[in-house]
Protein backbone atom coordinates (compact mmCIF):
# COMPACT_ATOMS: atom_id res chain seq x y z
CA MET A 1 -15.38 -19.81 37.87
CA LYS A 2 -15.86 -23.44 38.93
CA GLN A 3 -18.98 -23.71 36.75
CA LEU A 4 -17.05 -22.30 33.76
CA THR A 5 -14.30 -24.90 34.26
CA ILE A 6 -16.87 -27.70 34.28
CA ILE A 7 -18.46 -26.37 31.08
CA LEU A 8 -15.08 -26.15 29.33
CA THR A 9 -14.16 -29.67 30.45
CA CYS A 10 -17.43 -31.05 29.09
CA PHE A 11 -16.96 -29.17 25.82
CA LEU A 12 -13.45 -30.52 25.31
CA ALA A 13 -14.57 -34.06 26.13
CA LEU A 14 -17.44 -33.80 23.65
CA SER A 15 -15.10 -32.36 21.01
CA ALA A 16 -12.65 -35.25 21.52
CA CYS A 17 -15.46 -37.81 21.19
CA ASN A 18 -16.63 -36.13 17.99
CA SER A 19 -13.13 -36.30 16.49
CA VAL A 20 -12.96 -40.06 17.21
CA LYS A 21 -16.34 -40.60 15.54
CA ARG A 22 -15.29 -38.46 12.59
CA ASN A 23 -12.11 -40.47 12.22
CA GLN A 24 -14.01 -43.76 12.40
CA LYS A 25 -16.30 -42.55 9.62
CA MET A 26 -13.30 -41.63 7.44
CA LEU A 27 -11.85 -45.07 8.00
CA LEU A 28 -15.10 -46.82 7.10
CA ASN A 29 -15.38 -44.73 3.92
CA GLY A 30 -11.86 -45.66 2.83
CA ASN A 31 -10.46 -42.15 3.34
CA TYR A 32 -7.36 -43.54 5.00
CA ASP A 33 -5.00 -40.61 4.52
CA GLN A 34 -7.61 -38.17 5.88
CA ALA A 35 -8.01 -40.42 8.91
CA ILE A 36 -4.23 -40.53 9.33
CA ARG A 37 -3.90 -36.74 9.22
CA LEU A 38 -6.65 -36.24 11.79
CA ALA A 39 -5.26 -38.90 14.14
CA VAL A 40 -1.71 -37.48 13.87
CA LYS A 41 -3.03 -34.01 14.65
CA LYS A 42 -4.96 -35.18 17.73
CA ILE A 43 -2.08 -37.30 19.07
CA ALA A 44 0.51 -34.56 18.50
CA ASN A 45 -1.64 -31.93 20.23
CA ASP A 46 -2.29 -33.93 23.41
CA ARG A 47 -0.70 -37.29 24.14
CA ASN A 48 -2.36 -37.32 27.58
CA SER A 49 -5.90 -37.10 26.29
CA LYS A 50 -8.31 -39.86 27.30
CA GLN A 51 -9.10 -40.44 23.63
CA VAL A 52 -5.44 -40.74 22.52
CA ASN A 53 -5.58 -44.56 22.68
CA GLU A 54 -8.56 -44.60 20.35
CA HIS A 55 -6.72 -42.35 17.91
CA ILE A 56 -3.64 -44.62 18.10
CA VAL A 57 -5.77 -47.64 17.22
CA LEU A 58 -7.40 -45.75 14.35
CA LEU A 59 -4.02 -44.48 13.12
CA GLU A 60 -2.55 -47.98 13.14
CA GLU A 61 -5.49 -49.40 11.21
CA ALA A 62 -5.66 -46.54 8.70
CA TYR A 63 -1.92 -46.74 8.04
CA ALA A 64 -2.00 -50.49 7.44
CA LYS A 65 -4.94 -50.24 5.05
CA ALA A 66 -3.49 -47.29 3.15
CA VAL A 67 -0.13 -49.02 2.65
CA SER A 68 -1.87 -52.25 1.63
CA ASP A 69 -4.04 -50.46 -0.96
CA ASP A 70 -1.02 -48.62 -2.41
CA ASN A 71 1.04 -51.81 -2.69
CA ARG A 72 -1.78 -53.66 -4.45
CA ARG A 73 -2.12 -50.80 -6.91
CA ILE A 74 1.65 -50.69 -7.48
CA THR A 75 1.66 -54.40 -8.31
CA LYS A 76 -0.96 -53.81 -11.01
CA LEU A 77 0.93 -50.87 -12.50
CA GLN A 78 4.46 -52.23 -12.58
CA ASN A 79 4.14 -53.78 -16.04
CA ASP A 80 2.22 -50.86 -17.52
CA ASN A 81 4.41 -48.31 -19.33
CA SER A 82 1.64 -45.94 -20.34
CA PRO A 83 2.11 -42.26 -19.35
CA GLN A 84 -0.87 -42.49 -17.00
CA ALA A 85 0.56 -45.54 -15.23
CA LEU A 86 4.03 -43.98 -14.90
CA ARG A 87 2.47 -40.86 -13.39
CA GLU A 88 0.38 -42.82 -10.89
CA LEU A 89 3.29 -45.09 -9.96
CA TYR A 90 5.53 -42.14 -9.12
CA TYR A 91 2.93 -40.44 -6.96
CA LEU A 92 2.11 -43.71 -5.18
CA TYR A 93 5.73 -44.22 -4.13
CA PHE A 94 6.00 -40.54 -3.25
CA GLY A 95 2.84 -40.86 -1.12
CA LEU A 96 4.16 -43.94 0.69
CA GLU A 97 7.31 -42.05 1.65
CA SER A 98 5.38 -38.92 2.63
CA ARG A 99 2.95 -40.93 4.79
CA GLN A 100 5.85 -42.50 6.70
CA ASN A 101 7.41 -39.08 7.28
CA THR A 102 4.11 -37.82 8.70
CA ILE A 103 3.96 -40.55 11.33
CA ARG A 104 7.68 -41.01 12.12
CA PRO A 105 8.00 -37.96 14.48
CA LEU A 106 5.32 -39.47 16.79
CA LEU A 107 7.00 -42.85 17.23
CA PRO A 108 7.04 -44.84 19.40
CA LEU A 109 3.32 -44.90 20.17
CA GLN A 110 2.20 -47.19 22.98
CA ASN A 111 -1.39 -48.16 23.55
CA VAL A 112 -1.94 -47.67 27.28
CA VAL A 113 -4.99 -49.95 27.30
CA THR A 114 -3.35 -53.00 25.68
CA GLY A 115 0.19 -52.20 26.76
CA PHE A 116 1.47 -52.96 23.27
CA GLU A 117 3.43 -50.61 21.06
CA ALA A 118 1.57 -49.68 17.90
CA SER A 119 3.07 -51.18 14.76
CA PHE A 120 3.88 -49.02 11.74
CA PRO A 121 6.07 -51.06 9.34
CA MET A 122 8.22 -48.74 7.27
CA ALA A 123 10.35 -49.28 4.19
CA ASN A 124 13.05 -47.42 2.30
CA TYR A 125 11.48 -46.29 -0.96
CA THR A 126 14.45 -44.27 -2.23
CA GLN A 127 15.31 -46.59 -5.12
CA GLN A 128 11.69 -47.06 -6.15
CA ILE A 129 11.04 -43.31 -6.04
CA ASN A 130 14.15 -42.52 -8.08
CA ARG A 131 13.30 -45.15 -10.69
CA ALA A 132 9.66 -44.05 -10.89
CA ARG A 133 10.72 -40.39 -11.05
CA ASN A 134 13.10 -41.04 -13.95
CA ASN A 135 10.50 -43.01 -15.89
CA PHE A 136 7.82 -40.42 -15.20
CA ALA A 137 10.13 -37.54 -16.13
CA GLN A 138 11.02 -39.18 -19.44
CA SER A 139 7.32 -39.75 -20.12
CA LEU A 140 6.52 -36.09 -19.44
CA TYR A 141 9.43 -34.96 -21.61
CA ASP A 142 8.23 -37.12 -24.52
CA GLU A 143 4.66 -35.87 -24.09
CA ALA A 144 5.80 -32.24 -24.17
CA GLN A 145 7.93 -32.88 -27.27
CA ASP A 146 4.94 -34.44 -29.06
CA LEU A 147 2.72 -31.49 -28.18
CA MET A 148 5.26 -28.92 -29.35
CA ALA A 149 5.71 -30.82 -32.62
CA GLN A 150 2.07 -29.96 -33.43
CA ASN A 151 3.19 -26.32 -33.83
CA ALA A 152 -0.17 -25.04 -32.57
CA THR A 153 -0.73 -22.28 -30.01
CA LEU A 154 -2.96 -24.28 -27.65
CA ALA A 155 -0.71 -27.34 -27.95
CA TYR A 156 2.22 -25.19 -26.83
CA ARG A 157 0.19 -24.17 -23.78
CA ASP A 158 -0.50 -27.81 -22.95
CA ALA A 159 3.21 -28.53 -23.40
CA HIS A 160 4.05 -25.72 -20.98
CA GLU A 161 1.78 -27.28 -18.36
CA VAL A 162 3.43 -30.67 -18.85
CA LEU A 163 6.93 -29.17 -18.68
CA SER A 164 6.04 -27.24 -15.52
CA GLU A 165 5.04 -30.49 -13.85
CA LEU A 166 8.26 -32.09 -15.09
CA ASN A 167 10.23 -29.22 -13.58
CA ASP A 168 8.51 -29.83 -10.24
CA VAL A 169 9.16 -33.57 -10.39
CA GLN A 170 12.80 -33.27 -11.42
CA ALA A 171 14.40 -29.82 -11.49
CA ASN A 172 16.98 -28.99 -14.18
CA TYR A 173 15.98 -31.98 -16.30
CA ARG A 174 17.78 -31.86 -19.65
CA ASP A 175 16.77 -28.73 -21.65
CA VAL A 176 13.42 -28.20 -19.91
CA ALA A 177 14.22 -24.58 -18.99
CA GLN A 178 14.66 -23.67 -22.67
CA LEU A 179 11.62 -25.70 -23.70
CA LEU A 180 9.51 -23.86 -21.10
CA ASP A 181 10.57 -20.53 -22.61
CA ASP A 182 9.80 -21.76 -26.12
CA ALA A 183 6.41 -23.17 -25.13
CA HIS A 184 5.52 -19.92 -23.41
CA PHE A 185 6.56 -17.79 -26.39
CA TYR A 186 4.81 -19.87 -29.04
CA GLY A 187 1.78 -20.42 -26.81
CA THR A 188 1.27 -16.68 -26.30
CA ASP A 189 -1.39 -14.77 -28.23
CA PHE A 190 0.28 -11.59 -29.46
CA VAL A 191 -2.40 -9.01 -30.20
CA LEU A 192 -1.77 -6.04 -32.51
CA VAL A 193 -3.90 -3.00 -31.61
CA THR A 194 -4.56 -0.33 -34.23
CA LEU A 195 -6.67 2.83 -34.35
CA ASN A 196 -8.61 4.11 -37.37
CA ASN A 197 -10.11 7.60 -37.31
CA ARG A 198 -12.88 7.72 -39.90
CA SER A 199 -14.55 10.82 -38.48
CA ASN A 200 -13.91 14.32 -39.79
CA VAL A 201 -12.31 15.48 -36.54
CA ILE A 202 -8.61 15.20 -35.76
CA ILE A 203 -7.87 13.05 -32.71
CA PRO A 204 -5.15 14.65 -30.58
CA ARG A 205 -1.90 12.72 -30.72
CA ARG A 206 -1.83 12.60 -26.92
CA LEU A 207 -5.23 10.86 -26.82
CA GLU A 208 -4.21 8.41 -29.52
CA ASN A 209 -1.09 7.52 -27.54
CA GLU A 210 -3.11 7.08 -24.35
CA LEU A 211 -5.69 4.85 -26.06
CA LEU A 212 -2.95 2.65 -27.50
CA ASP A 213 -0.93 2.50 -24.27
CA PHE A 214 -2.17 -0.92 -23.22
CA ASN A 215 0.14 -0.99 -20.19
CA THR A 216 -2.38 1.27 -18.46
CA TYR A 217 -5.23 -1.18 -19.14
CA LYS A 218 -3.49 -3.97 -17.18
CA LEU A 219 -4.84 -6.58 -19.60
CA ASP A 220 -1.69 -8.58 -20.29
CA ASP A 221 -1.72 -12.02 -18.76
CA PHE A 222 0.54 -15.07 -18.99
CA TRP A 223 -0.80 -16.05 -22.41
CA THR A 224 -1.83 -12.69 -23.91
CA VAL A 225 0.35 -9.69 -24.82
CA TYR A 226 -0.89 -6.51 -26.52
CA HIS A 227 1.28 -4.41 -28.84
CA SER A 228 0.36 -1.05 -30.35
CA GLU A 229 3.35 -1.16 -32.70
CA GLN A 230 4.18 -4.14 -34.84
CA GLN A 231 7.41 -5.80 -33.81
CA ARG A 232 9.71 -7.86 -35.95
CA ASP A 233 9.91 -11.61 -35.42
CA ILE A 234 6.46 -11.62 -33.79
CA GLN A 235 3.63 -13.54 -35.40
CA TYR A 236 0.40 -11.85 -34.37
CA ASN A 237 -2.55 -14.17 -33.88
CA PHE A 238 -5.18 -11.52 -33.26
CA GLY A 239 -5.82 -7.86 -33.94
CA ILE A 240 -7.97 -5.31 -32.18
CA VAL A 241 -9.08 -2.35 -34.28
CA LEU A 242 -10.48 0.80 -32.65
CA ASN A 243 -12.67 2.46 -35.27
CA PHE A 244 -13.81 6.03 -34.59
CA ARG A 245 -16.67 6.64 -37.01
CA GLU A 246 -18.16 9.82 -35.55
CA ILE A 247 -16.94 12.64 -33.36
CA ALA A 248 -19.75 15.18 -32.97
CA ILE A 249 -18.98 18.41 -31.13
CA SER A 250 -21.83 20.73 -30.18
CA PRO A 251 -21.65 24.53 -30.53
CA GLU A 252 -20.70 26.62 -27.52
CA ARG A 253 -23.90 27.44 -25.67
CA VAL A 254 -24.58 30.15 -23.11
CA THR A 255 -28.01 30.18 -21.48
CA GLU A 256 -29.27 32.60 -18.85
CA LYS A 257 -32.21 32.44 -16.50
CA GLU A 258 -33.24 35.20 -14.11
CA TYR A 259 -34.87 34.55 -10.75
CA ARG A 260 -36.49 36.97 -8.31
CA ARG A 261 -35.62 36.31 -4.70
CA LYS A 262 -37.61 37.58 -1.73
CA GLU A 263 -36.80 36.98 1.91
CA LYS A 264 -37.98 38.26 5.31
CA ILE A 265 -35.05 39.18 7.51
CA LYS A 266 -34.77 40.36 11.08
CA ASP A 267 -34.36 44.13 11.28
CA GLY A 268 -34.10 45.13 14.93
CA PHE A 269 -36.60 44.77 17.77
CA LYS A 270 -39.03 46.70 19.97
CA TYR A 271 -40.12 46.35 23.57
CA LYS A 272 -43.40 44.76 24.34
CA LEU A 273 -45.75 47.22 26.09
CA ASP A 274 -48.80 46.79 28.21
CA ARG A 275 -52.04 48.64 27.52
CA ASN A 276 -50.72 51.57 29.44
CA GLY A 277 -47.59 51.87 27.32
CA ASN A 278 -45.27 50.47 29.93
CA LYS A 279 -42.53 47.98 29.14
CA ILE A 280 -43.32 44.44 30.21
CA LYS A 281 -40.82 42.38 32.16
CA ASP A 282 -40.54 38.61 32.16
CA GLU A 283 -40.34 36.42 35.27
CA ASN A 284 -36.58 37.10 35.50
CA GLY A 285 -37.04 40.83 35.49
CA ASN A 286 -35.84 41.35 31.91
CA TYR A 287 -37.74 43.48 29.42
CA VAL A 288 -39.62 41.41 26.85
CA THR A 289 -38.67 42.22 23.22
CA ILE A 290 -40.38 41.59 19.89
CA ASP A 291 -38.29 40.97 16.73
CA LEU A 292 -38.93 43.26 13.80
CA PHE A 293 -38.75 41.87 10.21
CA LYS A 294 -38.54 43.46 6.82
CA GLU A 295 -38.70 42.06 3.30
CA VAL A 296 -35.63 42.28 1.05
CA THR A 297 -35.48 41.42 -2.65
CA ALA A 298 -32.93 40.70 -5.33
CA ARG A 299 -32.74 39.60 -8.93
CA VAL A 300 -30.23 36.83 -9.66
CA THR A 301 -29.14 35.54 -13.04
CA HIS A 302 -27.85 31.96 -13.43
CA THR A 303 -25.63 31.55 -16.47
CA VAL A 304 -24.83 28.10 -17.87
CA GLN A 305 -21.96 27.52 -20.29
CA SER A 306 -22.12 24.14 -22.02
CA LYS A 307 -20.42 22.23 -24.78
CA SER A 308 -20.43 18.49 -25.49
CA VAL A 309 -18.64 15.91 -27.59
CA LEU A 310 -20.07 12.55 -28.65
CA VAL A 311 -17.64 9.88 -29.80
CA GLY A 312 -19.04 6.86 -31.62
CA GLY A 313 -17.30 3.85 -33.08
CA ASP A 314 -16.66 0.17 -32.55
CA VAL A 315 -14.05 -2.32 -31.42
CA ILE A 316 -13.35 -5.10 -33.91
CA TYR A 317 -11.66 -8.36 -32.98
CA ARG A 318 -9.75 -9.89 -35.90
CA ASP A 319 -8.25 -13.29 -36.53
CA LEU A 320 -5.08 -12.21 -38.31
CA GLN A 321 -4.10 -15.74 -39.27
CA GLY A 322 -7.46 -16.38 -40.91
CA GLY A 323 -7.87 -12.81 -42.17
CA ARG A 324 -11.38 -12.37 -40.79
CA ASN A 325 -13.36 -10.43 -38.23
CA ILE A 326 -14.46 -12.58 -35.30
CA ASP A 327 -16.30 -10.10 -33.08
CA LYS A 328 -17.52 -6.52 -32.96
CA HIS A 329 -18.59 -4.29 -30.06
CA PRO A 330 -19.96 -0.73 -30.11
CA LEU A 331 -17.85 1.95 -28.45
CA ALA A 332 -19.57 5.20 -27.50
CA SER A 333 -18.77 7.98 -25.10
CA GLU A 334 -20.06 11.45 -24.34
CA PHE A 335 -18.27 14.22 -22.49
CA ILE A 336 -20.07 17.39 -21.40
CA PHE A 337 -18.34 20.61 -20.40
CA GLU A 338 -20.52 22.71 -18.13
CA ASN A 339 -19.86 25.81 -16.07
CA VAL A 340 -22.55 27.57 -14.02
CA PHE A 341 -22.15 30.94 -12.34
CA ALA A 342 -24.42 33.71 -10.98
CA LYS A 343 -24.69 37.50 -10.81
CA PHE A 344 -27.25 39.52 -8.83
CA ARG A 345 -28.75 42.94 -8.30
CA GLY A 346 -30.41 43.98 -5.08
CA ASP A 347 -29.97 42.85 -1.50
CA GLU A 348 -27.63 39.86 -1.17
CA ARG A 349 -29.46 38.75 1.95
CA ALA A 350 -32.38 37.65 -0.25
CA LEU A 351 -30.27 35.05 -2.08
CA THR A 352 -30.47 31.30 -1.52
CA ILE A 353 -27.55 29.14 -0.40
CA GLU A 354 -27.21 27.86 -4.01
CA ASP A 355 -27.16 31.44 -5.35
CA LYS A 356 -24.37 32.40 -2.97
CA ALA A 357 -22.34 29.33 -3.94
CA LEU A 358 -22.65 30.19 -7.64
CA LEU A 359 -21.52 33.77 -6.99
CA LYS A 360 -18.04 32.31 -6.36
CA ASN A 361 -17.89 31.10 -9.97
CA ASP A 362 -17.32 33.18 -13.07
CA PHE A 363 -17.23 32.89 -16.82
CA VAL A 364 -14.42 30.64 -18.11
CA PRO A 365 -13.12 30.25 -21.67
CA PHE A 366 -14.67 27.33 -23.57
CA PRO A 367 -12.32 24.40 -24.29
CA ASN A 368 -11.42 24.03 -27.95
CA ASN A 369 -12.51 21.00 -29.96
CA ALA A 370 -9.22 19.15 -29.50
CA GLN A 371 -9.39 19.63 -25.75
CA MET A 372 -12.99 18.37 -25.71
CA VAL A 373 -11.98 15.16 -27.50
CA LEU A 374 -9.02 14.79 -25.16
CA ASP A 375 -11.26 15.27 -22.11
CA ALA A 376 -13.49 12.47 -23.40
CA GLY A 377 -10.46 10.17 -23.41
CA ASP A 378 -10.81 8.85 -19.85
CA ASP A 379 -14.38 7.76 -20.47
CA ILE A 380 -13.44 6.20 -23.82
CA LYS A 381 -10.61 4.25 -22.16
CA GLU A 382 -12.94 3.02 -19.42
CA HIS A 383 -15.46 1.76 -21.97
CA LEU A 384 -12.71 0.15 -24.01
CA ARG A 385 -11.24 -1.55 -20.92
CA ASP A 386 -14.68 -2.99 -20.07
CA ILE A 387 -15.10 -4.36 -23.60
CA LEU A 388 -11.69 -6.01 -23.58
CA LYS A 389 -12.11 -7.51 -20.11
CA LYS A 390 -15.56 -8.94 -20.80
CA ASN A 391 -14.80 -10.40 -24.24
CA ASP A 392 -12.04 -12.98 -24.56
CA LEU A 393 -10.05 -13.42 -27.73
CA ARG A 394 -10.56 -17.19 -27.66
């Protein structure tokens, strides 16, 4: 136990030394806020640590350098009214305030070695933050308005991003809530999905509805919405056309194959005799027996019912605004109906495990053509989902 305590003490001491070295490296590399966060964490966790004085010194130095750098940058930006400068100016003032709030709960901090209280000059940035926020918010609002004036889908998406930032910077700013809704609506790709059956086989209405029920595909995202029925007041940017060119259904097939089974089975026993015809006993005094076997046979017929449907077509991506096809992907699926059962003549004991399992089955009616196409629907939907997920509209 004593040895374990010594090991833990050494480990903690080494860990503390490593954190000081890590913080010194951050400071030398100019990563002042990282150094501040690490020092604050170490001081808050253990004010009685032997290394706390070193962290206080590092915190004081990192804070002074960070504030100095920010103030120099602010001086350069104050006469610059560009959107980039207004953005940076706001976040600089916001960072100054946030940095103070990170350190304030630890104060006062006294360096035990020097006996002096660490100095962290703080200022009230409320007015500067409010002024920078207002200027930045107006800049974002103007930028969003300019983007939306382009009346282009991707520009609306950029405007939505700008307006979202504006909403974070200053909630309930002017008519931003309405502009966000507008930017989202006009930035959304509405996709009209249609189905063309160019085969000579009728597609069941249920399957057609399932294929066009895009809610089950879970493909809608923030900027893409699929419709299987055209809606008024919606301008569709893209179309997806499901073309079924071939639906080939095989004839109903019944094939039979007969097998002959032969097996040796135990059929009683006899006593083992010595040369004099006497029964032989084992070491425990029990009579020794010999198993008797006989051969049994059977004829088993395996019957296979089969029917298949092959669906072939393609998925076409269309630019509805330009009136042109932009992509094409093959869509193929095969569904096979199969039922296997068995009948036998002879001794059942000669049958294999597989034979006995198939005896539980029996002839079943073949599905009609419509049912075959419907049964292929799940596989068709899976292939279609893969195509749509792997191939973006833009």
